[in-house]
Structures are given as C-alpha cells and as structure tokens.
N, C-alpha and C. Protein backbone atom coordinates (compact mmCIF):
# COMPACT_ATOMS: atom_id res chain seq x y z
N MET A 1 25.59 -6.54 17.61
CA MET A 1 25.77 -7.27 16.42
C MET A 1 24.66 -7.21 15.27
N LYS A 2 25.21 -6.76 14.17
CA LYS A 2 24.20 -6.91 13.03
C LYS A 2 24.62 -8.00 12.09
N MET A 3 23.57 -8.74 11.65
CA MET A 3 23.77 -9.91 10.80
C MET A 3 23.50 -9.29 9.26
N LYS A 4 23.74 -10.32 8.36
CA LYS A 4 23.64 -9.67 6.70
C LYS A 4 22.19 -9.36 6.54
N ARG A 5 21.91 -8.34 6.00
CA ARG A 5 20.59 -7.66 5.46
C ARG A 5 20.10 -8.79 4.41
N LEU A 6 18.93 -8.97 4.52
CA LEU A 6 18.05 -9.85 3.52
C LEU A 6 17.75 -8.81 2.28
N SER A 7 18.01 -9.28 1.27
CA SER A 7 17.57 -8.40 0.13
C SER A 7 16.13 -8.66 -0.32
N LEU A 8 15.62 -7.59 -0.82
CA LEU A 8 14.15 -7.65 -1.25
C LEU A 8 14.00 -8.81 -2.30
N ALA A 9 14.76 -8.94 -3.25
CA ALA A 9 14.45 -10.16 -4.01
C ALA A 9 14.50 -11.48 -3.40
N LEU A 10 15.55 -11.63 -2.47
CA LEU A 10 15.52 -13.04 -1.58
C LEU A 10 14.13 -12.96 -0.86
N ALA A 11 13.60 -11.83 0.11
CA ALA A 11 12.69 -11.96 0.67
C ALA A 11 11.42 -12.41 -0.29
N PHE A 12 11.29 -11.79 -1.48
CA PHE A 12 10.24 -12.44 -2.51
C PHE A 12 10.16 -13.69 -2.54
N THR A 13 11.45 -14.34 -2.81
CA THR A 13 11.74 -15.70 -3.12
C THR A 13 11.32 -16.56 -1.96
N LEU A 14 11.70 -16.02 -0.94
CA LEU A 14 11.21 -16.95 0.34
C LEU A 14 9.84 -16.78 0.50
N ALA A 15 9.13 -15.60 0.30
CA ALA A 15 7.69 -15.52 0.38
C ALA A 15 6.86 -16.34 -0.35
N ALA A 16 7.35 -16.57 -1.65
CA ALA A 16 6.87 -17.69 -2.77
C ALA A 16 7.03 -18.85 -2.23
N ALA A 17 8.23 -19.32 -1.64
CA ALA A 17 8.47 -20.58 -1.16
C ALA A 17 7.44 -20.99 -0.16
N ILE A 18 7.28 -19.89 0.93
CA ILE A 18 6.48 -20.21 2.17
C ILE A 18 5.01 -20.48 1.69
N PHE A 19 4.64 -19.55 0.58
CA PHE A 19 3.17 -19.74 0.13
C PHE A 19 2.92 -21.04 -0.60
N THR A 20 3.93 -21.60 -1.23
CA THR A 20 3.71 -22.89 -1.98
C THR A 20 3.49 -23.91 -0.94
N SER A 21 4.47 -23.71 0.17
CA SER A 21 4.52 -24.87 1.28
C SER A 21 3.13 -24.71 2.10
N CYS A 22 2.55 -23.57 2.20
CA CYS A 22 1.61 -23.34 2.92
C CYS A 22 0.08 -23.22 2.57
N GLU A 23 -0.12 -22.94 1.31
CA GLU A 23 -1.22 -22.55 0.82
C GLU A 23 -2.38 -23.22 1.11
N LYS A 24 -2.16 -24.73 1.52
CA LYS A 24 -3.28 -25.46 1.92
C LYS A 24 -3.48 -25.71 3.29
N ASN A 25 -2.82 -24.90 4.07
CA ASN A 25 -2.73 -24.94 5.73
C ASN A 25 -3.57 -23.84 6.02
N SER A 26 -4.47 -24.01 6.72
CA SER A 26 -5.59 -23.12 7.38
C SER A 26 -4.86 -21.92 8.40
N THR A 27 -3.73 -22.26 8.91
CA THR A 27 -2.93 -21.42 9.75
C THR A 27 -2.00 -20.68 9.02
N TYR A 28 -1.97 -20.72 7.61
CA TYR A 28 -1.02 -19.78 6.80
C TYR A 28 -1.05 -18.26 7.20
N LYS A 29 0.30 -17.65 7.36
CA LYS A 29 0.28 -16.30 7.60
C LYS A 29 0.94 -15.80 6.62
N LEU A 30 0.53 -14.47 6.15
CA LEU A 30 1.24 -13.90 5.05
C LEU A 30 2.67 -13.58 5.44
N PRO A 31 3.70 -13.54 4.55
CA PRO A 31 5.06 -13.11 4.74
C PRO A 31 5.23 -11.61 5.06
N ILE A 32 6.06 -11.24 5.74
CA ILE A 32 6.49 -10.02 5.95
C ILE A 32 7.54 -9.51 5.00
N LEU A 33 7.33 -8.51 3.96
CA LEU A 33 8.23 -8.22 3.03
C LEU A 33 9.09 -7.12 3.18
N GLY A 34 10.17 -7.09 2.51
CA GLY A 34 10.93 -5.88 2.47
C GLY A 34 12.38 -6.24 3.06
N TYR A 35 13.29 -5.26 3.15
CA TYR A 35 14.68 -5.67 3.90
C TYR A 35 14.36 -5.72 5.24
N THR A 36 15.01 -6.82 5.78
CA THR A 36 15.13 -7.28 7.27
C THR A 36 16.52 -7.33 7.69
N ASP A 37 16.41 -6.65 9.09
CA ASP A 37 17.90 -6.68 9.86
C ASP A 37 17.72 -7.60 10.75
N TYR A 38 18.80 -7.86 11.44
CA TYR A 38 18.88 -8.48 12.80
C TYR A 38 19.89 -7.86 13.54
N GLU A 39 19.52 -7.71 14.77
CA GLU A 39 20.60 -7.37 15.75
C GLU A 39 20.37 -7.95 17.10
N GLU A 40 21.72 -7.95 17.57
CA GLU A 40 21.63 -8.65 19.19
C GLU A 40 21.23 -7.67 20.17
N VAL A 41 20.52 -7.77 21.10
CA VAL A 41 20.09 -7.01 22.30
C VAL A 41 20.02 -7.90 23.38
N ASN A 42 20.89 -7.29 24.38
CA ASN A 42 21.29 -8.29 25.55
C ASN A 42 21.36 -9.78 25.41
N GLY A 43 22.11 -10.13 24.53
CA GLY A 43 22.18 -11.56 24.01
C GLY A 43 21.35 -12.20 23.17
N LYS A 44 20.24 -11.45 22.93
CA LYS A 44 19.04 -12.22 21.99
C LYS A 44 19.04 -11.41 20.66
N VAL A 45 18.97 -12.22 19.73
CA VAL A 45 18.76 -11.67 18.32
C VAL A 45 17.42 -11.37 18.05
N ASP A 46 17.13 -10.20 17.67
CA ASP A 46 16.03 -9.65 17.33
C ASP A 46 15.74 -9.34 16.02
N THR A 47 14.58 -9.40 15.16
CA THR A 47 14.40 -9.23 13.82
C THR A 47 13.72 -7.79 13.72
N ILE A 48 14.30 -6.99 12.90
CA ILE A 48 13.93 -5.64 12.56
C ILE A 48 13.48 -5.62 11.20
N TYR A 49 12.02 -5.40 11.07
CA TYR A 49 11.37 -5.49 9.70
C TYR A 49 11.34 -4.14 9.19
N HIS A 50 11.24 -4.09 7.84
CA HIS A 50 11.08 -2.96 6.98
C HIS A 50 9.52 -2.52 7.19
N THR A 51 9.48 -1.35 7.63
CA THR A 51 8.20 -0.61 7.90
C THR A 51 8.09 0.76 7.17
N ILE A 52 6.80 1.13 6.79
CA ILE A 52 6.59 2.38 6.01
C ILE A 52 6.94 3.59 7.18
N PRO A 53 7.64 4.54 6.56
CA PRO A 53 8.39 5.65 7.43
C PRO A 53 7.18 6.59 7.44
N ALA A 54 7.41 7.65 8.36
CA ALA A 54 6.57 8.64 8.80
C ALA A 54 6.22 9.49 7.52
N PHE A 55 4.80 9.60 7.48
CA PHE A 55 4.52 10.81 6.37
C PHE A 55 3.21 11.75 6.84
N GLY A 56 2.95 12.58 6.04
CA GLY A 56 1.98 13.52 6.29
C GLY A 56 1.31 14.28 4.86
N PHE A 57 0.12 13.92 4.58
CA PHE A 57 -0.52 14.36 3.33
C PHE A 57 -1.78 14.78 3.55
N LEU A 58 -2.60 15.76 2.84
CA LEU A 58 -3.89 16.26 2.85
C LEU A 58 -4.57 15.23 1.93
N ASP A 59 -5.86 14.97 2.51
CA ASP A 59 -6.90 13.95 1.94
C ASP A 59 -7.94 14.98 0.92
N GLN A 60 -8.67 14.35 0.56
CA GLN A 60 -9.80 14.96 -0.40
C GLN A 60 -10.65 15.97 0.42
N ASP A 61 -10.64 15.99 1.62
CA ASP A 61 -11.40 16.85 2.68
C ASP A 61 -10.57 17.53 3.44
N SER A 62 -9.24 17.88 2.91
CA SER A 62 -8.25 18.91 3.55
C SER A 62 -7.84 18.35 4.88
N ALA A 63 -8.13 17.06 5.13
CA ALA A 63 -7.90 16.19 6.63
C ALA A 63 -6.43 16.02 6.51
N MET A 64 -5.38 16.21 7.39
CA MET A 64 -4.04 15.66 7.49
C MET A 64 -4.24 14.15 7.71
N VAL A 65 -3.61 13.51 6.88
CA VAL A 65 -3.55 11.98 6.98
C VAL A 65 -1.87 11.66 7.24
N THR A 66 -1.64 10.91 8.56
CA THR A 66 -0.20 10.73 8.73
C THR A 66 -0.33 9.25 9.05
N LYS A 67 0.92 8.82 9.46
CA LYS A 67 1.17 7.26 9.78
C LYS A 67 0.31 6.93 11.10
N GLU A 68 0.17 7.89 11.84
CA GLU A 68 -0.62 7.72 12.97
C GLU A 68 -2.01 7.51 12.60
N THR A 69 -2.52 7.98 11.63
CA THR A 69 -3.94 8.02 11.08
C THR A 69 -4.29 6.45 10.84
N VAL A 70 -3.33 5.63 10.32
CA VAL A 70 -3.66 4.33 10.01
C VAL A 70 -3.01 3.09 11.13
N GLU A 71 -2.32 4.03 12.13
CA GLU A 71 -1.85 3.22 13.06
C GLU A 71 -2.88 1.87 13.89
N GLY A 72 -2.71 0.82 13.82
CA GLY A 72 -3.42 -0.22 14.30
C GLY A 72 -4.68 -0.52 13.13
N LYS A 73 -4.45 -0.21 12.09
CA LYS A 73 -5.31 -0.33 10.91
C LYS A 73 -4.57 -1.28 9.65
N ILE A 74 -5.32 -2.21 9.07
CA ILE A 74 -4.69 -2.85 8.04
C ILE A 74 -5.15 -1.77 6.94
N TYR A 75 -4.09 -1.56 6.04
CA TYR A 75 -4.71 -0.90 4.92
C TYR A 75 -4.05 -1.01 3.55
N VAL A 76 -4.64 -0.56 2.58
CA VAL A 76 -4.00 -0.81 1.16
C VAL A 76 -3.62 0.46 0.60
N ALA A 77 -2.40 0.40 -0.05
CA ALA A 77 -1.64 1.76 -0.57
C ALA A 77 -1.70 1.72 -2.08
N ASP A 78 -1.89 2.68 -2.84
CA ASP A 78 -1.62 2.59 -4.25
C ASP A 78 -0.99 4.00 -4.71
N PHE A 79 -0.65 4.19 -5.91
CA PHE A 79 -0.25 5.61 -6.49
C PHE A 79 -0.90 5.52 -7.91
N PHE A 80 -1.48 7.00 -8.22
CA PHE A 80 -2.17 7.18 -9.23
C PHE A 80 -2.07 8.55 -9.63
N PHE A 81 -2.71 9.16 -10.78
CA PHE A 81 -3.00 10.53 -10.93
C PHE A 81 -4.19 10.71 -11.94
N GLY A 82 -4.71 11.84 -11.63
CA GLY A 82 -6.06 11.85 -12.19
C GLY A 82 -6.06 12.07 -13.50
N THR A 83 -5.16 12.38 -14.34
CA THR A 83 -5.35 12.64 -15.87
C THR A 83 -4.67 11.34 -16.45
N CYS A 84 -4.46 10.30 -15.72
CA CYS A 84 -3.67 9.09 -16.16
C CYS A 84 -4.73 8.65 -17.31
N PRO A 85 -3.97 8.44 -18.58
CA PRO A 85 -4.85 7.65 -19.53
C PRO A 85 -4.66 6.22 -19.79
N THR A 86 -3.66 5.74 -18.83
CA THR A 86 -3.64 4.21 -19.06
C THR A 86 -4.17 3.34 -17.90
N ILE A 87 -3.38 2.83 -16.92
CA ILE A 87 -3.81 1.98 -16.07
C ILE A 87 -4.72 2.55 -14.73
N CYS A 88 -4.74 4.08 -14.50
CA CYS A 88 -5.23 4.30 -13.31
C CYS A 88 -6.87 4.18 -13.44
N PRO A 89 -7.54 4.23 -14.41
CA PRO A 89 -9.02 4.04 -14.49
C PRO A 89 -9.23 2.48 -14.04
N LYS A 90 -8.55 1.52 -14.47
CA LYS A 90 -8.80 0.35 -14.26
C LYS A 90 -8.39 0.11 -12.75
N MET A 91 -7.36 0.63 -12.20
CA MET A 91 -7.07 0.52 -10.78
C MET A 91 -8.12 1.13 -9.91
N ALA A 92 -8.65 2.05 -10.45
CA ALA A 92 -9.77 2.87 -9.38
C ALA A 92 -11.16 1.98 -9.44
N GLN A 93 -11.19 1.22 -10.62
CA GLN A 93 -12.51 0.46 -10.50
C GLN A 93 -12.21 -0.93 -9.54
N GLN A 94 -11.02 -1.46 -9.76
CA GLN A 94 -10.77 -2.51 -8.73
C GLN A 94 -10.49 -2.02 -7.36
N MET A 95 -10.16 -0.99 -7.15
CA MET A 95 -9.92 -0.52 -5.64
C MET A 95 -11.31 -0.29 -5.10
N LEU A 96 -12.25 0.14 -5.95
CA LEU A 96 -13.65 0.21 -5.60
C LEU A 96 -14.07 -1.19 -4.98
N ARG A 97 -13.65 -2.21 -5.58
CA ARG A 97 -14.31 -3.56 -5.35
C ARG A 97 -13.71 -3.87 -3.73
N VAL A 98 -12.46 -3.32 -3.55
CA VAL A 98 -11.97 -3.74 -2.16
C VAL A 98 -12.59 -2.50 -1.13
N TYR A 99 -12.85 -1.31 -1.59
CA TYR A 99 -13.46 -0.31 -0.74
C TYR A 99 -15.12 -0.96 -0.36
N ASP A 100 -15.78 -1.48 -1.35
CA ASP A 100 -16.90 -1.90 -1.20
C ASP A 100 -17.16 -3.01 -0.27
N GLN A 101 -16.09 -3.98 -0.25
CA GLN A 101 -16.16 -5.16 0.61
C GLN A 101 -15.72 -4.84 2.09
N PHE A 102 -14.73 -3.85 2.15
CA PHE A 102 -14.30 -3.59 3.55
C PHE A 102 -14.57 -2.42 4.27
N LYS A 103 -15.38 -1.31 3.46
CA LYS A 103 -15.62 -0.17 4.18
C LYS A 103 -16.17 -0.15 5.56
N ASP A 104 -16.93 -1.15 5.87
CA ASP A 104 -17.65 -0.97 7.14
C ASP A 104 -16.76 -1.58 8.29
N ASN A 105 -15.60 -1.92 7.88
CA ASN A 105 -14.42 -2.43 9.10
C ASN A 105 -13.83 -1.33 9.51
N GLU A 106 -13.89 -1.09 10.91
CA GLU A 106 -13.14 0.25 11.32
C GLU A 106 -11.65 0.10 11.24
N ASP A 107 -10.92 -1.16 11.30
CA ASP A 107 -9.61 -1.38 11.35
C ASP A 107 -9.09 -1.52 10.08
N PHE A 108 -9.67 -0.97 8.80
CA PHE A 108 -9.22 -1.06 7.47
C PHE A 108 -9.42 0.35 6.82
N ALA A 109 -8.25 0.74 5.95
CA ALA A 109 -8.23 1.97 5.16
C ALA A 109 -7.50 1.72 3.96
N ILE A 110 -7.76 2.83 3.08
CA ILE A 110 -7.13 2.78 1.73
C ILE A 110 -6.49 3.97 1.67
N LEU A 111 -5.21 4.05 1.21
CA LEU A 111 -4.49 5.39 0.96
C LEU A 111 -4.11 5.54 -0.59
N SER A 112 -4.67 6.37 -1.36
CA SER A 112 -4.32 6.46 -2.90
C SER A 112 -3.45 7.76 -2.90
N HIS A 113 -2.33 7.67 -3.28
CA HIS A 113 -1.34 8.86 -3.35
C HIS A 113 -1.27 9.33 -4.90
N THR A 114 -1.73 10.59 -5.13
CA THR A 114 -1.34 11.15 -6.31
C THR A 114 -0.09 11.47 -6.45
N ILE A 115 0.55 11.37 -7.68
CA ILE A 115 1.98 11.57 -8.17
C ILE A 115 2.07 12.85 -9.16
N ASP A 116 0.81 13.55 -9.13
CA ASP A 116 0.72 14.85 -9.84
C ASP A 116 0.09 15.74 -9.12
N PRO A 117 0.75 16.24 -7.87
CA PRO A 117 0.09 17.09 -6.86
C PRO A 117 -0.28 18.45 -7.41
N GLU A 118 0.46 18.90 -8.39
CA GLU A 118 0.18 20.16 -9.00
C GLU A 118 -1.11 20.27 -9.55
N HIS A 119 -1.53 19.17 -10.27
CA HIS A 119 -3.04 19.04 -10.75
C HIS A 119 -3.90 18.54 -9.85
N ASP A 120 -3.29 17.49 -9.15
CA ASP A 120 -4.52 16.93 -8.26
C ASP A 120 -4.70 17.52 -6.98
N THR A 121 -5.13 18.69 -6.74
CA THR A 121 -5.32 19.32 -5.65
C THR A 121 -6.23 18.81 -4.76
N VAL A 122 -6.50 19.16 -3.59
CA VAL A 122 -7.44 18.62 -2.56
C VAL A 122 -9.03 18.88 -3.22
N GLU A 123 -9.06 20.03 -3.76
CA GLU A 123 -10.41 20.29 -4.57
C GLU A 123 -10.55 19.32 -5.66
N TYR A 124 -9.51 18.94 -6.48
CA TYR A 124 -9.88 18.06 -7.51
C TYR A 124 -10.01 16.72 -7.19
N LEU A 125 -9.05 16.31 -5.99
CA LEU A 125 -9.36 15.02 -5.59
C LEU A 125 -10.78 14.74 -4.84
N ASN A 126 -11.20 15.94 -4.37
CA ASN A 126 -12.64 15.78 -3.67
C ASN A 126 -13.71 15.39 -4.60
N GLY A 127 -13.54 16.19 -5.91
CA GLY A 127 -14.42 15.80 -7.06
C GLY A 127 -14.04 14.46 -7.63
N TYR A 128 -13.04 13.91 -7.59
CA TYR A 128 -12.35 12.79 -8.15
C TYR A 128 -13.16 11.72 -7.40
N ALA A 129 -13.14 11.80 -5.97
CA ALA A 129 -13.74 10.66 -5.11
C ALA A 129 -15.18 10.84 -5.30
N ALA A 130 -15.83 11.92 -5.58
CA ALA A 130 -17.35 11.90 -5.69
C ALA A 130 -17.74 11.14 -6.74
N LYS A 131 -16.96 11.32 -7.88
CA LYS A 131 -17.19 10.83 -9.10
C LYS A 131 -17.11 9.22 -9.13
N LEU A 132 -16.31 8.77 -8.20
CA LEU A 132 -16.12 7.31 -7.99
C LEU A 132 -17.19 6.70 -7.11
N GLY A 133 -17.87 7.80 -6.37
CA GLY A 133 -18.87 7.18 -5.51
C GLY A 133 -18.36 7.19 -3.92
N VAL A 134 -17.23 7.60 -3.75
CA VAL A 134 -16.77 7.45 -2.58
C VAL A 134 -17.06 8.54 -1.61
N ASN A 135 -17.68 8.49 -0.64
CA ASN A 135 -18.15 9.53 0.14
C ASN A 135 -17.61 9.32 1.54
N ASP A 136 -16.95 8.32 1.78
CA ASP A 136 -16.40 8.02 3.24
C ASP A 136 -14.94 8.30 3.32
N ASN A 137 -14.63 9.53 3.74
CA ASN A 137 -12.95 9.92 3.82
C ASN A 137 -12.53 9.09 4.94
N GLU A 138 -13.22 8.63 5.80
CA GLU A 138 -12.71 7.86 7.14
C GLU A 138 -12.12 6.53 6.43
N THR A 139 -12.40 5.94 5.38
CA THR A 139 -11.86 4.65 4.88
C THR A 139 -10.90 4.92 3.68
N TRP A 140 -11.37 5.74 2.78
CA TRP A 140 -10.57 5.87 1.41
C TRP A 140 -10.20 7.14 1.29
N HIS A 141 -8.82 7.55 1.40
CA HIS A 141 -8.19 8.80 1.57
C HIS A 141 -7.50 8.76 0.13
N PHE A 142 -7.63 10.05 -0.66
CA PHE A 142 -7.20 10.42 -1.60
C PHE A 142 -5.99 11.56 -1.32
N LEU A 143 -4.89 11.23 -1.26
CA LEU A 143 -3.83 12.02 -0.77
C LEU A 143 -3.14 12.97 -1.71
N THR A 144 -2.73 14.01 -1.49
CA THR A 144 -1.82 15.10 -2.22
C THR A 144 -0.95 15.83 -1.10
N GLY A 145 0.21 16.25 -1.88
CA GLY A 145 1.06 17.10 -1.02
C GLY A 145 2.26 17.36 -1.82
N LYS A 146 3.50 17.52 -1.10
CA LYS A 146 4.73 17.73 -1.94
C LYS A 146 5.15 16.69 -2.64
N LYS A 147 5.52 17.01 -3.87
CA LYS A 147 5.75 15.81 -4.98
C LYS A 147 6.95 15.10 -4.42
N GLU A 148 7.92 15.61 -3.94
CA GLU A 148 9.16 14.98 -3.46
C GLU A 148 9.10 14.08 -2.39
N GLU A 149 8.20 14.34 -1.58
CA GLU A 149 7.91 13.56 -0.42
C GLU A 149 6.92 12.32 -0.82
N ILE A 150 6.24 12.56 -1.77
CA ILE A 150 5.17 11.49 -2.29
C ILE A 150 6.28 10.44 -2.95
N TYR A 151 7.05 10.76 -3.83
CA TYR A 151 8.12 10.18 -4.58
C TYR A 151 8.98 9.41 -3.82
N GLU A 152 9.50 10.11 -2.69
CA GLU A 152 10.25 9.26 -1.65
C GLU A 152 9.67 8.23 -0.99
N LEU A 153 8.28 8.33 -0.67
CA LEU A 153 7.62 7.28 0.00
C LEU A 153 7.30 6.20 -0.93
N GLY A 154 7.44 6.46 -2.25
CA GLY A 154 7.36 5.02 -3.19
C GLY A 154 8.67 4.54 -3.47
N THR A 155 9.62 4.98 -2.81
CA THR A 155 10.88 4.28 -3.29
C THR A 155 11.14 2.98 -2.13
N ALA A 156 12.37 2.40 -2.43
CA ALA A 156 12.73 1.34 -1.31
C ALA A 156 12.59 1.68 -0.13
N ALA A 157 12.68 2.96 0.48
CA ALA A 157 12.54 3.18 1.80
C ALA A 157 11.03 3.10 2.32
N GLY A 158 10.19 3.09 1.46
CA GLY A 158 8.63 3.14 1.67
C GLY A 158 7.95 1.85 1.24
N TYR A 159 7.15 2.16 0.21
CA TYR A 159 6.20 1.08 -0.39
C TYR A 159 6.92 0.28 -1.27
N MET A 160 8.25 0.65 -1.84
CA MET A 160 8.99 -0.26 -2.64
C MET A 160 8.43 -0.34 -4.19
N VAL A 161 7.91 0.67 -4.54
CA VAL A 161 7.32 0.56 -6.16
C VAL A 161 7.77 1.68 -6.74
N GLN A 162 7.78 1.55 -8.18
CA GLN A 162 8.21 2.53 -9.09
C GLN A 162 7.41 3.77 -9.22
N VAL A 163 7.88 4.97 -8.99
CA VAL A 163 7.08 6.26 -9.27
C VAL A 163 7.93 7.22 -9.77
N ARG A 164 7.71 7.71 -10.83
CA ARG A 164 8.56 8.94 -11.29
C ARG A 164 7.92 9.71 -12.70
N GLU A 165 8.48 10.85 -12.84
CA GLU A 165 8.25 11.50 -14.17
C GLU A 165 8.88 10.80 -15.28
N ASP A 166 8.22 10.92 -16.42
CA ASP A 166 8.78 10.58 -17.61
C ASP A 166 8.06 11.18 -18.71
N PRO A 167 8.83 12.23 -19.43
CA PRO A 167 8.07 13.19 -20.52
C PRO A 167 7.65 12.06 -21.57
N THR A 168 8.46 11.00 -21.66
CA THR A 168 8.09 10.15 -23.10
C THR A 168 6.85 8.96 -22.64
N ALA A 169 6.58 8.95 -21.47
CA ALA A 169 5.29 8.10 -21.29
C ALA A 169 3.98 8.74 -21.44
N GLU A 170 2.93 8.13 -21.59
CA GLU A 170 1.65 8.59 -21.75
C GLU A 170 1.17 9.37 -20.61
N GLY A 171 0.93 10.38 -20.62
CA GLY A 171 0.48 11.30 -19.42
C GLY A 171 1.51 11.94 -18.87
N GLY A 172 2.86 11.42 -18.97
CA GLY A 172 3.92 12.02 -18.26
C GLY A 172 4.47 11.41 -17.11
N TYR A 173 4.02 10.45 -16.62
CA TYR A 173 4.45 9.93 -15.53
C TYR A 173 4.47 8.23 -15.70
N ILE A 174 5.40 7.42 -14.92
CA ILE A 174 5.39 6.16 -14.84
C ILE A 174 5.04 5.79 -13.30
N HIS A 175 4.17 4.79 -13.26
CA HIS A 175 3.98 4.47 -11.71
C HIS A 175 3.55 2.95 -11.85
N SER A 176 3.80 2.38 -10.76
CA SER A 176 3.51 0.87 -10.39
C SER A 176 1.86 0.87 -10.45
N GLY A 177 1.35 -0.24 -10.89
CA GLY A 177 -0.10 -0.60 -10.94
C GLY A 177 -0.55 -1.45 -9.47
N ALA A 178 0.70 -1.64 -8.60
CA ALA A 178 0.38 -2.49 -7.57
C ALA A 178 -0.46 -1.82 -6.37
N PHE A 179 -1.13 -2.73 -6.01
CA PHE A 179 -1.83 -2.38 -4.53
C PHE A 179 -1.13 -3.05 -3.62
N ILE A 180 -0.58 -2.22 -2.57
CA ILE A 180 0.22 -2.75 -1.62
C ILE A 180 -0.47 -3.01 -0.15
N LEU A 181 -0.40 -4.08 0.33
CA LEU A 181 -1.18 -4.45 1.61
C LEU A 181 -0.17 -4.33 2.58
N VAL A 182 -0.65 -3.57 3.74
CA VAL A 182 0.21 -3.16 4.84
C VAL A 182 -0.66 -3.50 6.25
N ASP A 183 0.13 -3.90 7.19
CA ASP A 183 -0.49 -4.47 8.30
C ASP A 183 -0.57 -3.41 9.38
N LYS A 184 -0.94 -3.80 10.53
CA LYS A 184 -0.99 -2.90 11.78
C LYS A 184 -0.04 -2.20 12.12
N GLU A 185 1.17 -2.85 11.83
CA GLU A 185 2.61 -2.40 12.22
C GLU A 185 3.30 -1.56 11.36
N GLY A 186 2.33 -1.54 10.11
CA GLY A 186 3.26 -0.75 9.17
C GLY A 186 4.12 -1.58 8.36
N ARG A 187 4.09 -2.88 8.30
CA ARG A 187 4.83 -3.64 7.46
C ARG A 187 4.17 -4.29 6.23
N VAL A 188 4.94 -4.34 5.03
CA VAL A 188 4.26 -4.62 3.89
C VAL A 188 4.09 -6.18 3.90
N ARG A 189 2.78 -6.74 3.64
CA ARG A 189 2.53 -7.92 3.57
C ARG A 189 2.22 -8.73 2.24
N GLY A 190 2.20 -7.69 1.17
CA GLY A 190 1.90 -8.34 -0.14
C GLY A 190 1.78 -7.15 -1.21
N PHE A 191 2.14 -7.49 -2.49
CA PHE A 191 1.84 -6.89 -3.68
C PHE A 191 0.89 -7.45 -4.64
N TYR A 192 0.09 -6.73 -5.19
CA TYR A 192 -1.16 -7.20 -6.13
C TYR A 192 -1.25 -6.38 -7.45
N ASP A 193 -1.38 -6.91 -8.47
CA ASP A 193 -1.65 -6.11 -9.73
C ASP A 193 -2.99 -5.53 -9.65
N GLY A 194 -3.17 -4.30 -9.45
CA GLY A 194 -4.47 -3.64 -9.50
C GLY A 194 -5.22 -3.51 -10.67
N THR A 195 -4.60 -3.85 -11.66
CA THR A 195 -5.48 -3.86 -13.18
C THR A 195 -5.98 -5.06 -13.39
N ILE A 196 -5.88 -6.20 -12.62
CA ILE A 196 -6.30 -7.48 -13.16
C ILE A 196 -7.11 -8.13 -11.94
N PRO A 197 -8.51 -8.26 -12.14
CA PRO A 197 -9.33 -8.59 -11.20
C PRO A 197 -9.07 -9.80 -10.43
N GLU A 198 -8.37 -10.89 -11.03
CA GLU A 198 -8.04 -11.94 -10.36
C GLU A 198 -7.24 -11.85 -9.39
N LYS A 199 -6.24 -10.80 -9.49
CA LYS A 199 -5.23 -10.56 -8.47
C LYS A 199 -5.63 -9.81 -7.42
N VAL A 200 -6.76 -8.86 -7.77
CA VAL A 200 -7.54 -8.16 -6.62
C VAL A 200 -8.11 -9.29 -5.79
N ASP A 201 -8.87 -10.16 -6.24
CA ASP A 201 -9.47 -11.26 -5.43
C ASP A 201 -8.54 -11.96 -4.37
N VAL A 202 -7.26 -12.10 -4.93
CA VAL A 202 -6.23 -12.71 -4.00
C VAL A 202 -6.26 -11.59 -2.86
N LEU A 203 -5.91 -10.32 -3.24
CA LEU A 203 -5.77 -9.25 -2.23
C LEU A 203 -6.82 -9.47 -1.10
N MET A 204 -7.85 -9.16 -1.79
CA MET A 204 -9.32 -9.39 -0.62
C MET A 204 -9.25 -10.64 0.20
N ASN A 205 -8.87 -11.73 -0.43
CA ASN A 205 -8.55 -12.77 0.56
C ASN A 205 -7.60 -12.82 1.39
N ASP A 206 -6.39 -12.23 1.01
CA ASP A 206 -5.27 -11.87 1.96
C ASP A 206 -5.52 -11.04 3.03
N ILE A 207 -6.51 -10.10 2.73
CA ILE A 207 -6.97 -8.88 3.75
C ILE A 207 -7.74 -9.82 4.89
N LYS A 208 -8.50 -10.87 4.47
CA LYS A 208 -9.04 -11.39 5.42
C LYS A 208 -8.24 -12.52 6.16
N ILE A 209 -7.18 -13.04 5.62
CA ILE A 209 -6.07 -13.75 6.28
C ILE A 209 -5.56 -12.78 7.40
N LEU A 210 -5.30 -11.69 6.88
CA LEU A 210 -4.44 -10.78 7.82
C LEU A 210 -5.37 -10.32 9.08
N GLN A 211 -6.79 -10.18 8.90
CA GLN A 211 -7.56 -9.92 9.74
C GLN A 211 -7.58 -11.11 10.86
N ALA A 212 -7.68 -12.32 10.10
CA ALA A 212 -7.59 -13.50 11.13
C ALA A 212 -6.52 -13.67 12.03
N GLU A 213 -5.41 -13.27 11.39
CA GLU A 213 -4.01 -13.27 12.01
C GLU A 213 -4.28 -12.35 13.34
N TYR A 214 -4.65 -11.06 13.24
CA TYR A 214 -4.95 -10.31 14.48
C TYR A 214 -5.86 -10.67 15.39
N ALA A 215 -6.80 -11.44 14.85
CA ALA A 215 -8.07 -11.96 15.74
C ALA A 215 -7.50 -13.21 16.64
N ASP A 216 -6.47 -13.89 16.25
CA ASP A 216 -5.84 -14.94 16.96
C ASP A 216 -5.54 -14.41 18.46
C-alpha cells in the first residue's frame, strides 16, 4: 500500500512550522526535506525519504568521487562555474568559512559541482582550488564530469535546485546559490543562501546540530 506523496512545497512548509515550534528546544532535530513516500511492509507503514541518487565525478586531483565517497559523512553541496561573473565568487568565499571550520572533521565533506565542465576541467579545478587556498581534497571536492549528469543531479531527483544553461544570463548559465546540507544517509536536511554570511552562519550551526544528532 502506498500513501499520498508529500510535495516538496508542503515539506518545506512543515519544516518551517517544526522549526518555529522547536527553535528553543535543545533537542531540536533538523527536518528531512524532499518528497516522502509511505509504504506498508508486513503490516507496518514505513517512511521512504528522498535521498541523493548515485553519481560519479572527477575531482580536482583526478580522483573519482561517488556517493560511496561521502557515505557516512555529513556534507554540503553546491553548484558553480569557474568563469561565473555574478554569485560564484561570493559563494566560494562563504564556503571557505565552512571549510575552515569543519575541515578537521573526518565525517564532513564539501562537494562543489561545476555546471560548465567543458571549461572547468580537472586541471582548471586544481588551479581554482589552489587559488582559494584549498589543498585538502579529502574534504572539499571540486567536481567535473558529463554535463547532462551534473544537471540531472541538480533536479528534483537529486539536490532539488535550479541548474541550466541560459544564453541571456550573465556568463551563460543560471544556477542556484544554495548550499545544500546532506546527512550521512544522503537525505537533504537544509538549504541556505550561500551569498549571505548570516545564512551561512545558520548552516554552520545546523551542521553542529546534525553532528550532535549522530552523537546521540
């Protein structure tokens, strides 16, 4: 038996309501976002949460990064491109703050996906990371691969953000400025505007909340 699927919009509404009612509660847990299914197995109704699908991309050191690479880790994902003339430089500086705070945690990672893989090759991303001062590819992976696979990962089936080419846009691409928080089971636990320091402050606090959840 399958029950009615919960829409993404409704999930966000419920998440906001939960936060309002629990923000002063020290036992507060982050909501699980995305589409949710319910199915009956042996007379018991189980919740099936949206999870990030399988993927495989090369990072700045030519290492293959897959879903298994971040299995058992809390991670933050975003989308960018190296020649971006608008929000990407702001996002990179804010993600550096996240990196600096959590880079010594073995169960933490960052996945930054280029949406212009033709330009942002492994060699280019290696230099891009070096210019940012990122020398630890075990924590922050700058990923490139097949464009269609990267774009598919950004859709409702994956990270649930906007990623597309647009010749009328500055730089030729449109993409979300969101930092996406993902838990150790591959479930989305939060979206944060990566261009606003105060929103990134919330993200870093939520990472700590999620870490405490696994420590319980």
